[in-house]
Amino acid sequence: MAKDGTSRGNKPGNYTRAGRKPKPLVEQIAEGRKSMTVIALPEPEKLTGFDMPPPKEYMKAKQKGGKDLCAEEVCRETWLWLKERGCERLVSPQLVEQYAMSVSRWIQCEEAISEYGFLSKHPTTGSPIASPFVAMSQQYMKQTNQLWFSIFAVVRENCSTAFTGASPQDDVMERLLTARRGGK
């Protein structure tokens, strides 16, 4: 109870996701706590489909500086990574798009920092101030990590095979360095 008599603050129990975190499905199967049942399904008819939903137009838009936005490429790589693990239907396409846009905006901010530096001129006094791109870059990186953790949590809890190898999040720094060189 708070000093003012209201019941708020730290109360024992009843927290969202309180307690021990659930183990990934792969570990539960390995320990024998869960079993996999293979269901024989009839052969499906020939269906046509997409590897991924087509990206939205705003993910392909040219930017004010004339550079291409790499969001479409990040979205495609993330979607294919999810598809390899059989989790593409479990993650919302909007979440993947948000992640891709956040990565591409972070890269844009880092490119601006490289081009203009860490200092900027104050608009009224003319004295040096910290570049606004630094704060924006930090915010986009934070948002990128939060979105990735949301995507990865779905994969970790639902993937029935061990997920090894590189992930799209591992490739973000490589993408940034490649973007600075101007190549693909």
Protein backbone atom coordinates (compact mmCIF):
# COMPACT_ATOMS: atom_id res chain seq x y z
CA MET A 1 0.00 0.00 0.00
CA ALA A 2 1.28 3.47 -0.86
CA LYS A 3 1.66 6.29 1.68
CA ASP A 4 -1.46 7.97 0.36
CA GLY A 5 -3.55 4.89 1.18
CA THR A 6 -4.07 3.67 -2.37
CA SER A 7 -3.38 0.11 -3.34
CA ARG A 8 -0.79 0.39 -6.07
CA GLY A 9 2.83 -0.47 -6.61
CA ASN A 10 4.46 -3.79 -5.86
CA LYS A 11 1.92 -6.41 -4.94
CA PRO A 12 2.96 -10.02 -4.67
CA GLY A 13 1.86 -12.17 -7.61
CA ASN A 14 -0.53 -11.25 -10.42
CA TYR A 15 2.16 -9.83 -12.68
CA THR A 16 1.99 -10.38 -16.39
CA ARG A 17 4.30 -13.26 -17.29
CA ALA A 18 5.34 -13.63 -13.64
CA GLY A 19 7.35 -16.69 -12.68
CA ARG A 20 9.66 -18.94 -14.60
CA LYS A 21 9.79 -18.37 -18.35
CA PRO A 22 8.50 -21.23 -20.51
CA LYS A 23 11.10 -23.45 -22.14
CA PRO A 24 11.29 -23.59 -25.93
CA LEU A 25 9.30 -26.36 -27.62
CA VAL A 26 12.50 -28.09 -28.80
CA GLU A 27 13.70 -28.46 -25.21
CA GLN A 28 10.29 -29.70 -24.03
CA ILE A 29 10.31 -32.40 -26.73
CA ALA A 30 13.90 -33.38 -25.87
CA GLU A 31 12.99 -33.73 -22.18
CA GLY A 32 9.98 -35.88 -23.05
CA ARG A 33 7.44 -33.47 -21.54
CA LYS A 34 5.79 -32.95 -24.94
CA SER A 35 5.42 -35.37 -27.76
CA MET A 36 5.03 -34.74 -31.42
CA THR A 37 2.23 -36.52 -33.22
CA VAL A 38 2.64 -36.84 -36.95
CA ILE A 39 -0.71 -36.74 -38.72
CA ALA A 40 -1.01 -38.29 -42.15
CA LEU A 41 -2.78 -35.84 -44.41
CA PRO A 42 -4.11 -36.53 -47.89
CA GLU A 43 -2.12 -35.16 -50.80
CA PRO A 44 -3.21 -31.60 -51.46
CA GLU A 45 -4.26 -30.35 -54.82
CA LYS A 46 -1.79 -28.26 -56.74
CA LEU A 47 -1.89 -24.87 -55.14
CA THR A 48 -0.16 -21.74 -56.18
CA GLY A 49 1.20 -19.52 -53.51
CA PHE A 50 3.77 -16.95 -52.62
CA ASP A 51 6.95 -17.35 -50.62
CA MET A 52 5.82 -14.22 -48.85
CA PRO A 53 3.07 -11.64 -49.15
CA PRO A 54 3.98 -8.87 -51.59
CA PRO A 55 5.64 -5.96 -49.76
CA LYS A 56 3.72 -2.73 -49.41
CA GLU A 57 4.57 0.18 -51.69
CA TYR A 58 5.86 2.38 -48.86
CA MET A 59 8.63 -0.17 -48.27
CA LYS A 60 9.95 0.42 -51.79
CA ALA A 61 9.69 4.22 -51.86
CA LYS A 62 12.64 6.40 -52.86
CA GLN A 63 13.80 8.56 -50.00
CA LYS A 64 14.32 12.30 -50.02
CA GLY A 65 18.08 11.88 -50.34
CA GLY A 66 17.57 9.74 -53.46
CA LYS A 67 18.63 6.48 -51.84
CA ASP A 68 16.53 3.34 -51.85
CA LEU A 69 14.93 2.13 -48.66
CA CYS A 70 16.21 -1.36 -47.77
CA ALA A 71 13.00 -2.30 -45.92
CA GLU A 72 11.76 -4.57 -48.72
CA GLU A 73 14.99 -6.60 -48.64
CA VAL A 74 14.93 -6.90 -44.82
CA CYS A 75 11.27 -7.94 -44.93
CA ARG A 76 11.98 -10.62 -47.55
CA GLU A 77 14.97 -12.03 -45.63
CA THR A 78 13.03 -12.11 -42.36
CA TRP A 79 10.02 -13.78 -43.97
CA LEU A 80 12.19 -16.44 -45.62
CA TRP A 81 13.98 -17.05 -42.30
CA LEU A 82 10.59 -17.58 -40.65
CA LYS A 83 9.46 -19.86 -43.49
CA GLU A 84 12.57 -22.07 -43.09
CA ARG A 85 11.52 -22.64 -39.48
CA GLY A 86 7.84 -23.16 -40.29
CA CYS A 87 6.74 -20.11 -38.31
CA GLU A 88 5.72 -17.74 -41.12
CA ARG A 89 2.01 -18.20 -40.34
CA LEU A 90 2.51 -17.57 -36.62
CA VAL A 91 4.08 -14.12 -36.99
CA SER A 92 1.94 -11.25 -38.19
CA PRO A 93 3.06 -9.79 -41.54
CA GLN A 94 2.59 -6.33 -40.01
CA LEU A 95 5.13 -7.19 -37.30
CA VAL A 96 7.65 -8.27 -39.93
CA GLU A 97 6.99 -5.05 -41.89
CA GLN A 98 7.42 -2.92 -38.77
CA TYR A 99 10.70 -4.68 -38.04
CA ALA A 100 11.93 -4.13 -41.61
CA MET A 101 11.00 -0.43 -41.58
CA SER A 102 12.65 0.06 -38.20
CA VAL A 103 15.88 -1.55 -39.43
CA SER A 104 15.92 0.56 -42.58
CA ARG A 105 15.26 3.79 -40.64
CA TRP A 106 18.05 2.91 -38.20
CA ILE A 107 20.41 2.43 -41.15
CA GLN A 108 19.34 5.80 -42.56
CA CYS A 109 20.14 7.51 -39.25
CA GLU A 110 23.53 5.82 -39.06
CA GLU A 111 24.31 6.94 -42.62
CA ALA A 112 23.34 10.51 -41.68
CA ILE A 113 25.64 10.38 -38.65
CA SER A 114 28.47 9.18 -40.87
CA GLU A 115 27.80 11.94 -43.38
CA TYR A 116 27.12 14.90 -41.06
CA GLY A 117 28.94 13.89 -37.87
CA PHE A 118 27.95 13.85 -34.21
CA LEU A 119 27.56 17.62 -33.85
CA SER A 120 25.04 19.98 -35.34
CA LYS A 121 24.43 23.71 -35.27
CA HIS A 122 21.69 25.09 -33.02
CA PRO A 123 19.06 26.76 -35.25
CA THR A 124 18.82 30.02 -33.25
CA THR A 125 22.10 30.44 -31.36
CA GLY A 126 24.40 28.78 -33.86
CA SER A 127 26.31 27.02 -31.08
CA PRO A 128 27.21 23.34 -31.47
CA ILE A 129 24.72 20.77 -30.18
CA ALA A 130 24.46 17.00 -30.37
CA SER A 131 23.18 15.78 -33.72
CA PRO A 132 19.50 14.81 -33.61
CA PHE A 133 20.37 11.76 -35.74
CA VAL A 134 22.18 10.21 -32.76
CA ALA A 135 19.04 10.20 -30.58
CA MET A 136 16.89 9.02 -33.50
CA SER A 137 19.33 6.21 -34.22
CA GLN A 138 19.21 5.06 -30.61
CA GLN A 139 15.41 5.08 -30.62
CA TYR A 140 15.22 3.11 -33.87
CA MET A 141 17.75 0.59 -32.56
CA LYS A 142 15.70 0.14 -29.40
CA GLN A 143 12.52 -0.29 -31.44
CA THR A 144 14.28 -2.73 -33.80
CA ASN A 145 15.44 -4.89 -30.91
CA GLN A 146 11.99 -4.92 -29.28
CA LEU A 147 10.33 -5.96 -32.53
CA TRP A 148 12.96 -8.64 -33.14
CA PHE A 149 12.51 -10.04 -29.63
CA SER A 150 8.76 -10.29 -30.33
CA ILE A 151 9.38 -12.18 -33.57
CA PHE A 152 12.06 -14.41 -32.06
CA ALA A 153 9.89 -15.28 -29.04
CA VAL A 154 7.28 -16.77 -31.38
CA VAL A 155 9.94 -18.80 -33.17
CA ARG A 156 11.59 -19.95 -29.93
CA GLU A 157 8.31 -21.11 -28.41
CA ASN A 158 6.90 -22.79 -31.53
CA CYS A 159 9.78 -24.11 -33.61
CA SER A 160 9.97 -27.90 -33.38
CA THR A 161 13.53 -28.09 -34.74
CA ALA A 162 16.65 -26.48 -33.36
CA PHE A 163 17.14 -23.08 -34.93
CA THR A 164 20.80 -22.58 -35.69
CA GLY A 165 22.68 -20.41 -38.09
CA ALA A 166 22.41 -16.76 -38.90
CA SER A 167 19.23 -14.82 -38.32
CA PRO A 168 18.14 -11.58 -39.98
CA GLN A 169 18.97 -9.73 -36.76
CA ASP A 170 22.56 -11.00 -36.93
CA ASP A 171 22.87 -9.48 -40.39
CA VAL A 172 21.78 -5.94 -39.43
CA MET A 173 25.31 -4.62 -38.82
CA GLU A 174 26.54 -6.19 -42.04
CA ARG A 175 23.69 -4.48 -43.88
CA LEU A 176 24.65 -1.15 -42.32
CA LEU A 177 28.29 -1.52 -43.37
CA THR A 178 27.27 -2.56 -46.87
CA ALA A 179 24.90 0.42 -47.15
CA ARG A 180 27.73 2.79 -46.21
CA ARG A 181 29.88 1.43 -49.03
CA GLY A 182 26.97 1.98 -51.42
CA GLY A 183 26.74 -1.66 -52.52
CA LYS A 184 24.35 -4.51 -51.95
